Amino acid sequence: MIRTIVKDVIFLGQRSEAATPQDVSVAEDLLDTLKAHANGCVGMAANMIGVKKRVIAIQNDDSYMVMFNPEIIKCSDTYETIESCLSLEGTRKVKRWQRVKIKYQNADFQTRIKTFSGWTAQIIQHEIDHCNGVII
């Protein structure tokens, strides 16, 4: 189901709770909503659709990827960039890591570890910030 984008910075500024297998439907709604906004959005966190759970969905090359309980476990090479967000007006300067190693769970709640770099790493960091209540 396509959900409304939350723009309440007080809600968005709260840390999300750990996702559980009962949150798989949240991921489905998150993907539907991300795809509906594909012309201007490459990633979303569950709090952007009103659910305070650690679930993110990203566009990864020509496909989509969902991560439950993502966390950065290793990072390298910072750079400064400008980002925007569907939940916020305008753009903001942020510091990001060029390369990140992410520990997460897939839809079967199996733990995975994968390294991402460049644009995909930037998207993931933005969405993990959402999970942590960090507003760019």
N, C-alpha and C. Protein backbone atom coordinates (compact mmCIF):
# COMPACT_ATOMS: atom_id res chain seq x y z
N MET A 1 0.84 -1.17 0.00
CA MET A 1 0.00 0.00 0.00
C MET A 1 0.89 1.24 0.00
N ILE A 2 0.54 2.21 -0.81
CA ILE A 2 1.27 3.47 -0.85
C ILE A 2 0.81 4.31 0.33
N ARG A 3 1.78 4.73 1.15
CA ARG A 3 1.48 5.50 2.37
C ARG A 3 1.84 6.97 2.19
N THR A 4 1.26 7.81 3.02
CA THR A 4 1.55 9.24 3.04
C THR A 4 2.93 9.48 3.64
N ILE A 5 3.67 10.43 3.08
CA ILE A 5 5.00 10.78 3.58
C ILE A 5 4.87 11.67 4.81
N VAL A 6 5.51 11.26 5.91
CA VAL A 6 5.50 12.01 7.16
C VAL A 6 6.47 13.18 7.04
N LYS A 7 6.01 14.37 7.47
CA LYS A 7 6.85 15.56 7.43
C LYS A 7 7.02 16.17 8.82
N ASP A 8 6.52 15.51 9.84
CA ASP A 8 6.59 15.97 11.22
C ASP A 8 7.99 15.73 11.77
N VAL A 9 8.79 16.81 11.94
CA VAL A 9 10.18 16.65 12.37
C VAL A 9 10.29 16.12 13.80
N ILE A 10 9.29 16.33 14.62
CA ILE A 10 9.33 15.77 15.98
C ILE A 10 9.24 14.26 15.91
N PHE A 11 8.33 13.74 15.09
CA PHE A 11 8.22 12.29 14.91
C PHE A 11 9.50 11.74 14.25
N LEU A 12 9.95 12.40 13.20
CA LEU A 12 11.13 11.93 12.47
C LEU A 12 12.39 11.98 13.32
N GLY A 13 12.42 12.83 14.33
CA GLY A 13 13.58 12.97 15.20
C GLY A 13 13.67 11.93 16.30
N GLN A 14 12.74 10.99 16.34
CA GLN A 14 12.75 9.94 17.36
C GLN A 14 13.44 8.69 16.80
N ARG A 15 14.20 8.01 17.66
CA ARG A 15 14.85 6.75 17.26
C ARG A 15 13.80 5.67 16.99
N SER A 16 14.06 4.89 15.98
CA SER A 16 13.16 3.78 15.65
C SER A 16 13.51 2.56 16.49
N GLU A 17 12.50 1.71 16.69
CA GLU A 17 12.67 0.47 17.44
C GLU A 17 13.12 -0.65 16.50
N ALA A 18 13.70 -1.67 17.07
CA ALA A 18 14.13 -2.82 16.26
C ALA A 18 12.94 -3.44 15.53
N ALA A 19 13.18 -3.82 14.29
CA ALA A 19 12.15 -4.50 13.49
C ALA A 19 12.12 -5.98 13.87
N THR A 20 10.96 -6.57 13.72
CA THR A 20 10.76 -8.00 13.99
C THR A 20 10.11 -8.64 12.77
N PRO A 21 10.02 -9.96 12.73
CA PRO A 21 9.36 -10.60 11.59
C PRO A 21 7.92 -10.12 11.36
N GLN A 22 7.28 -9.59 12.38
CA GLN A 22 5.92 -9.06 12.21
C GLN A 22 5.91 -7.76 11.39
N ASP A 23 7.08 -7.20 11.10
CA ASP A 23 7.17 -5.94 10.37
C ASP A 23 7.40 -6.14 8.87
N VAL A 24 7.29 -7.34 8.38
CA VAL A 24 7.49 -7.58 6.94
C VAL A 24 6.47 -6.79 6.12
N SER A 25 5.26 -6.64 6.61
CA SER A 25 4.26 -5.86 5.87
C SER A 25 4.64 -4.38 5.80
N VAL A 26 5.37 -3.89 6.80
CA VAL A 26 5.86 -2.52 6.78
C VAL A 26 6.81 -2.36 5.60
N ALA A 27 7.67 -3.34 5.39
CA ALA A 27 8.62 -3.30 4.27
C ALA A 27 7.88 -3.29 2.94
N GLU A 28 6.80 -4.03 2.84
CA GLU A 28 6.02 -4.05 1.60
C GLU A 28 5.44 -2.67 1.32
N ASP A 29 4.86 -2.03 2.34
CA ASP A 29 4.32 -0.68 2.17
C ASP A 29 5.44 0.31 1.84
N LEU A 30 6.58 0.14 2.47
CA LEU A 30 7.72 1.01 2.22
C LEU A 30 8.17 0.91 0.76
N LEU A 31 8.26 -0.30 0.26
CA LEU A 31 8.63 -0.49 -1.15
C LEU A 31 7.59 0.10 -2.09
N ASP A 32 6.32 -0.13 -1.82
CA ASP A 32 5.25 0.43 -2.66
C ASP A 32 5.34 1.96 -2.69
N THR A 33 5.59 2.55 -1.52
CA THR A 33 5.66 4.01 -1.43
C THR A 33 6.90 4.54 -2.13
N LEU A 34 8.03 3.85 -1.96
CA LEU A 34 9.26 4.26 -2.64
C LEU A 34 9.08 4.20 -4.15
N LYS A 35 8.51 3.13 -4.64
CA LYS A 35 8.29 2.99 -6.09
C LYS A 35 7.34 4.07 -6.61
N ALA A 36 6.35 4.46 -5.81
CA ALA A 36 5.42 5.50 -6.22
C ALA A 36 6.10 6.87 -6.31
N HIS A 37 7.20 7.03 -5.60
CA HIS A 37 7.95 8.30 -5.60
C HIS A 37 9.29 8.16 -6.32
N ALA A 38 9.41 7.17 -7.18
CA ALA A 38 10.69 6.86 -7.83
C ALA A 38 11.25 8.02 -8.66
N ASN A 39 10.41 8.93 -9.09
CA ASN A 39 10.91 10.04 -9.90
C ASN A 39 11.73 11.04 -9.07
N GLY A 40 11.61 11.00 -7.74
CA GLY A 40 12.36 11.94 -6.92
C GLY A 40 12.89 11.37 -5.63
N CYS A 41 12.95 10.04 -5.55
CA CYS A 41 13.36 9.41 -4.29
C CYS A 41 14.05 8.09 -4.58
N VAL A 42 15.17 7.84 -3.88
CA VAL A 42 15.93 6.60 -4.09
C VAL A 42 16.04 5.74 -2.83
N GLY A 43 15.47 6.22 -1.74
CA GLY A 43 15.50 5.46 -0.50
C GLY A 43 14.48 5.99 0.48
N MET A 44 14.02 5.11 1.37
CA MET A 44 13.06 5.50 2.40
C MET A 44 13.28 4.67 3.65
N ALA A 45 12.96 5.28 4.78
CA ALA A 45 12.96 4.57 6.06
C ALA A 45 11.53 4.50 6.54
N ALA A 46 11.23 3.50 7.36
CA ALA A 46 9.85 3.27 7.81
C ALA A 46 9.25 4.47 8.53
N ASN A 47 10.06 5.27 9.22
CA ASN A 47 9.47 6.42 9.91
C ASN A 47 8.93 7.45 8.92
N MET A 48 9.39 7.42 7.70
CA MET A 48 8.88 8.33 6.68
C MET A 48 7.45 7.99 6.29
N ILE A 49 7.00 6.78 6.62
CA ILE A 49 5.60 6.40 6.36
C ILE A 49 4.85 6.20 7.68
N GLY A 50 5.41 6.74 8.76
CA GLY A 50 4.71 6.74 10.05
C GLY A 50 4.93 5.54 10.94
N VAL A 51 5.94 4.72 10.65
CA VAL A 51 6.20 3.52 11.44
C VAL A 51 7.60 3.62 12.04
N LYS A 52 7.70 3.65 13.37
CA LYS A 52 9.00 3.80 14.04
C LYS A 52 9.68 2.44 14.21
N LYS A 53 10.04 1.84 13.09
CA LYS A 53 10.75 0.56 13.08
C LYS A 53 11.99 0.71 12.20
N ARG A 54 13.04 -0.05 12.52
CA ARG A 54 14.29 0.03 11.78
C ARG A 54 14.19 -0.81 10.49
N VAL A 55 13.53 -0.22 9.51
CA VAL A 55 13.36 -0.85 8.20
C VAL A 55 13.67 0.22 7.16
N ILE A 56 14.51 -0.12 6.18
CA ILE A 56 14.78 0.80 5.09
C ILE A 56 14.60 0.08 3.76
N ALA A 57 14.29 0.86 2.74
CA ALA A 57 14.20 0.35 1.37
C ALA A 57 15.00 1.31 0.50
N ILE A 58 15.81 0.75 -0.38
CA ILE A 58 16.63 1.58 -1.26
C ILE A 58 16.55 1.07 -2.70
N GLN A 59 16.81 2.00 -3.60
CA GLN A 59 16.99 1.61 -4.99
C GLN A 59 18.47 1.27 -5.14
N ASN A 60 18.75 0.08 -5.60
CA ASN A 60 20.13 -0.40 -5.74
C ASN A 60 20.33 -0.80 -7.19
N ASP A 61 20.95 0.08 -7.96
CA ASP A 61 21.08 -0.08 -9.41
C ASP A 61 19.68 -0.15 -10.03
N ASP A 62 19.34 -1.24 -10.69
CA ASP A 62 18.03 -1.34 -11.35
C ASP A 62 17.01 -2.12 -10.53
N SER A 63 17.31 -2.38 -9.26
CA SER A 63 16.39 -3.14 -8.43
C SER A 63 16.20 -2.43 -7.08
N TYR A 64 15.42 -3.04 -6.23
CA TYR A 64 15.18 -2.49 -4.90
C TYR A 64 15.65 -3.48 -3.85
N MET A 65 16.01 -2.95 -2.70
CA MET A 65 16.54 -3.77 -1.61
C MET A 65 15.93 -3.29 -0.30
N VAL A 66 15.55 -4.24 0.55
CA VAL A 66 15.01 -3.90 1.87
C VAL A 66 15.99 -4.43 2.92
N MET A 67 16.20 -3.64 3.95
CA MET A 67 17.06 -4.05 5.07
C MET A 67 16.30 -3.85 6.37
N PHE A 68 16.33 -4.87 7.20
CA PHE A 68 15.76 -4.79 8.54
C PHE A 68 16.92 -4.60 9.52
N ASN A 69 16.78 -3.67 10.44
CA ASN A 69 17.77 -3.41 11.50
C ASN A 69 19.17 -3.16 10.95
N PRO A 70 19.29 -2.28 9.95
CA PRO A 70 20.62 -2.02 9.39
C PRO A 70 21.50 -1.22 10.36
N GLU A 71 22.79 -1.54 10.35
CA GLU A 71 23.74 -0.76 11.14
C GLU A 71 25.08 -0.74 10.42
N ILE A 72 25.74 0.39 10.53
CA ILE A 72 27.07 0.54 9.93
C ILE A 72 28.07 -0.07 10.90
N ILE A 73 28.85 -1.03 10.41
CA ILE A 73 29.84 -1.66 11.28
C ILE A 73 31.27 -1.28 10.91
N LYS A 74 31.43 -0.68 9.73
CA LYS A 74 32.75 -0.21 9.32
C LYS A 74 32.54 0.84 8.23
N CYS A 75 33.39 1.87 8.24
CA CYS A 75 33.25 2.92 7.25
C CYS A 75 34.62 3.54 6.95
N SER A 76 34.73 4.18 5.78
CA SER A 76 35.99 4.82 5.43
C SER A 76 35.77 5.93 4.42
N ASP A 77 36.72 6.89 4.43
CA ASP A 77 36.79 7.97 3.45
C ASP A 77 35.58 8.90 3.46
N THR A 78 35.63 9.92 4.30
CA THR A 78 34.52 10.88 4.35
C THR A 78 34.59 11.87 3.20
N TYR A 79 33.43 12.40 2.88
CA TYR A 79 33.31 13.48 1.91
C TYR A 79 32.08 14.30 2.27
N GLU A 80 31.99 15.50 1.74
CA GLU A 80 30.83 16.36 1.99
C GLU A 80 29.99 16.41 0.73
N THR A 81 28.67 16.38 0.92
CA THR A 81 27.76 16.41 -0.21
C THR A 81 26.50 17.17 0.19
N ILE A 82 25.59 17.30 -0.73
CA ILE A 82 24.30 17.97 -0.48
C ILE A 82 23.20 16.95 -0.73
N GLU A 83 22.26 16.86 0.22
CA GLU A 83 21.15 15.91 0.09
C GLU A 83 19.82 16.60 0.27
N SER A 84 18.81 15.95 -0.25
CA SER A 84 17.42 16.37 -0.01
C SER A 84 16.67 15.16 0.54
N CYS A 85 15.43 15.41 0.95
CA CYS A 85 14.63 14.34 1.55
C CYS A 85 13.16 14.64 1.28
N LEU A 86 12.39 13.61 0.96
CA LEU A 86 10.95 13.79 0.73
C LEU A 86 10.24 14.35 1.96
N SER A 87 10.77 14.05 3.14
CA SER A 87 10.13 14.50 4.38
C SER A 87 10.47 15.94 4.75
N LEU A 88 11.43 16.53 4.07
CA LEU A 88 11.91 17.86 4.42
C LEU A 88 11.95 18.78 3.20
N GLU A 89 11.88 20.08 3.45
CA GLU A 89 11.99 21.07 2.38
C GLU A 89 13.46 21.39 2.13
N GLY A 90 13.84 21.62 0.90
CA GLY A 90 15.16 22.10 0.57
C GLY A 90 16.24 21.05 0.60
N THR A 91 17.49 21.53 0.61
CA THR A 91 18.66 20.67 0.64
C THR A 91 19.55 21.06 1.81
N ARG A 92 20.44 20.14 2.19
CA ARG A 92 21.35 20.38 3.32
C ARG A 92 22.70 19.73 3.04
N LYS A 93 23.76 20.37 3.59
CA LYS A 93 25.09 19.79 3.50
C LYS A 93 25.22 18.69 4.55
N VAL A 94 25.83 17.58 4.16
CA VAL A 94 26.07 16.47 5.09
C VAL A 94 27.43 15.86 4.81
N LYS A 95 27.97 15.18 5.81
CA LYS A 95 29.19 14.39 5.63
C LYS A 95 28.78 12.93 5.53
N ARG A 96 29.36 12.25 4.59
CA ARG A 96 29.07 10.84 4.36
C ARG A 96 30.38 10.07 4.21
N TRP A 97 30.26 8.75 4.34
CA TRP A 97 31.38 7.84 4.11
C TRP A 97 31.29 7.33 2.69
N GLN A 98 32.41 7.24 2.02
CA GLN A 98 32.45 6.72 0.65
C GLN A 98 32.16 5.22 0.62
N ARG A 99 32.58 4.53 1.68
CA ARG A 99 32.44 3.07 1.72
C ARG A 99 31.93 2.67 3.10
N VAL A 100 30.89 1.83 3.13
CA VAL A 100 30.32 1.37 4.41
C VAL A 100 30.08 -0.13 4.38
N LYS A 101 30.35 -0.76 5.50
CA LYS A 101 30.01 -2.18 5.67
C LYS A 101 28.77 -2.19 6.55
N ILE A 102 27.72 -2.84 6.06
CA ILE A 102 26.43 -2.83 6.73
C ILE A 102 26.07 -4.22 7.21
N LYS A 103 25.65 -4.30 8.46
CA LYS A 103 25.09 -5.53 9.02
C LYS A 103 23.58 -5.31 9.06
N TYR A 104 22.82 -6.24 8.50
CA TYR A 104 21.36 -6.09 8.44
C TYR A 104 20.73 -7.47 8.39
N GLN A 105 19.41 -7.48 8.41
CA GLN A 105 18.67 -8.72 8.25
C GLN A 105 17.83 -8.62 6.99
N ASN A 106 17.71 -9.73 6.28
CA ASN A 106 16.86 -9.76 5.09
C ASN A 106 15.41 -10.05 5.51
N ALA A 107 14.54 -10.25 4.53
CA ALA A 107 13.12 -10.46 4.81
C ALA A 107 12.85 -11.76 5.58
N ASP A 108 13.79 -12.69 5.56
CA ASP A 108 13.67 -13.92 6.35
C ASP A 108 14.36 -13.78 7.71
N PHE A 109 14.81 -12.57 7.99
CA PHE A 109 15.51 -12.23 9.24
C PHE A 109 16.80 -13.02 9.43
N GLN A 110 17.43 -13.31 8.31
CA GLN A 110 18.78 -13.88 8.33
C GLN A 110 19.76 -12.71 8.31
N THR A 111 20.77 -12.77 9.15
CA THR A 111 21.76 -11.69 9.22
C THR A 111 22.68 -11.75 8.01
N ARG A 112 22.91 -10.58 7.44
CA ARG A 112 23.79 -10.43 6.29
C ARG A 112 24.77 -9.30 6.57
N ILE A 113 25.93 -9.36 5.95
CA ILE A 113 26.90 -8.29 6.01
C ILE A 113 27.35 -8.03 4.58
N LYS A 114 27.29 -6.77 4.18
CA LYS A 114 27.65 -6.42 2.81
C LYS A 114 28.29 -5.04 2.80
N THR A 115 29.25 -4.85 1.90
CA THR A 115 29.92 -3.55 1.75
C THR A 115 29.34 -2.83 0.54
N PHE A 116 29.07 -1.55 0.73
CA PHE A 116 28.54 -0.70 -0.33
C PHE A 116 29.45 0.51 -0.48
N SER A 117 29.47 1.08 -1.67
CA SER A 117 30.28 2.27 -1.88
C SER A 117 29.53 3.26 -2.77
N GLY A 118 30.06 4.48 -2.80
CA GLY A 118 29.52 5.51 -3.68
C GLY A 118 28.08 5.89 -3.36
N TRP A 119 27.31 6.05 -4.43
CA TRP A 119 25.94 6.54 -4.33
C TRP A 119 25.07 5.62 -3.46
N THR A 120 25.20 4.32 -3.62
CA THR A 120 24.40 3.38 -2.82
C THR A 120 24.75 3.52 -1.34
N ALA A 121 26.03 3.66 -1.02
CA ALA A 121 26.44 3.85 0.37
C ALA A 121 25.83 5.13 0.94
N GLN A 122 25.79 6.17 0.13
CA GLN A 122 25.21 7.44 0.58
C GLN A 122 23.72 7.29 0.89
N ILE A 123 23.01 6.60 0.03
CA ILE A 123 21.56 6.39 0.25
C ILE A 123 21.34 5.63 1.56
N ILE A 124 22.09 4.56 1.75
CA ILE A 124 21.93 3.75 2.96
C ILE A 124 22.22 4.57 4.21
N GLN A 125 23.27 5.38 4.18
CA GLN A 125 23.59 6.21 5.34
C GLN A 125 22.46 7.19 5.67
N HIS A 126 21.88 7.78 4.63
CA HIS A 126 20.76 8.71 4.83
C HIS A 126 19.60 7.99 5.52
N GLU A 127 19.29 6.79 5.06
CA GLU A 127 18.15 6.06 5.63
C GLU A 127 18.46 5.56 7.04
N ILE A 128 19.69 5.15 7.31
CA ILE A 128 20.06 4.75 8.67
C ILE A 128 19.97 5.96 9.60
N ASP A 129 20.34 7.14 9.10
CA ASP A 129 20.15 8.36 9.90
C ASP A 129 18.68 8.50 10.30
N HIS A 130 17.77 8.26 9.36
CA HIS A 130 16.33 8.31 9.68
C HIS A 130 16.01 7.36 10.82
N CYS A 131 16.51 6.14 10.76
CA CYS A 131 16.26 5.15 11.81
C CYS A 131 16.77 5.62 13.17
N ASN A 132 17.85 6.38 13.15
CA ASN A 132 18.46 6.87 14.38
C ASN A 132 17.88 8.21 14.83
N GLY A 133 16.87 8.70 14.13
CA GLY A 133 16.26 9.98 14.51
C GLY A 133 17.09 11.18 14.11
N VAL A 134 18.06 10.98 13.21
CA VAL A 134 18.90 12.08 12.75
C VAL A 134 18.24 12.72 11.52
N ILE A 135 17.99 14.01 11.63
CA ILE A 135 17.38 14.74 10.52
C ILE A 135 18.48 15.53 9.84
N ILE A 136 18.64 15.33 8.55
CA ILE A 136 19.72 16.04 7.85
C ILE A 136 19.45 17.53 7.81
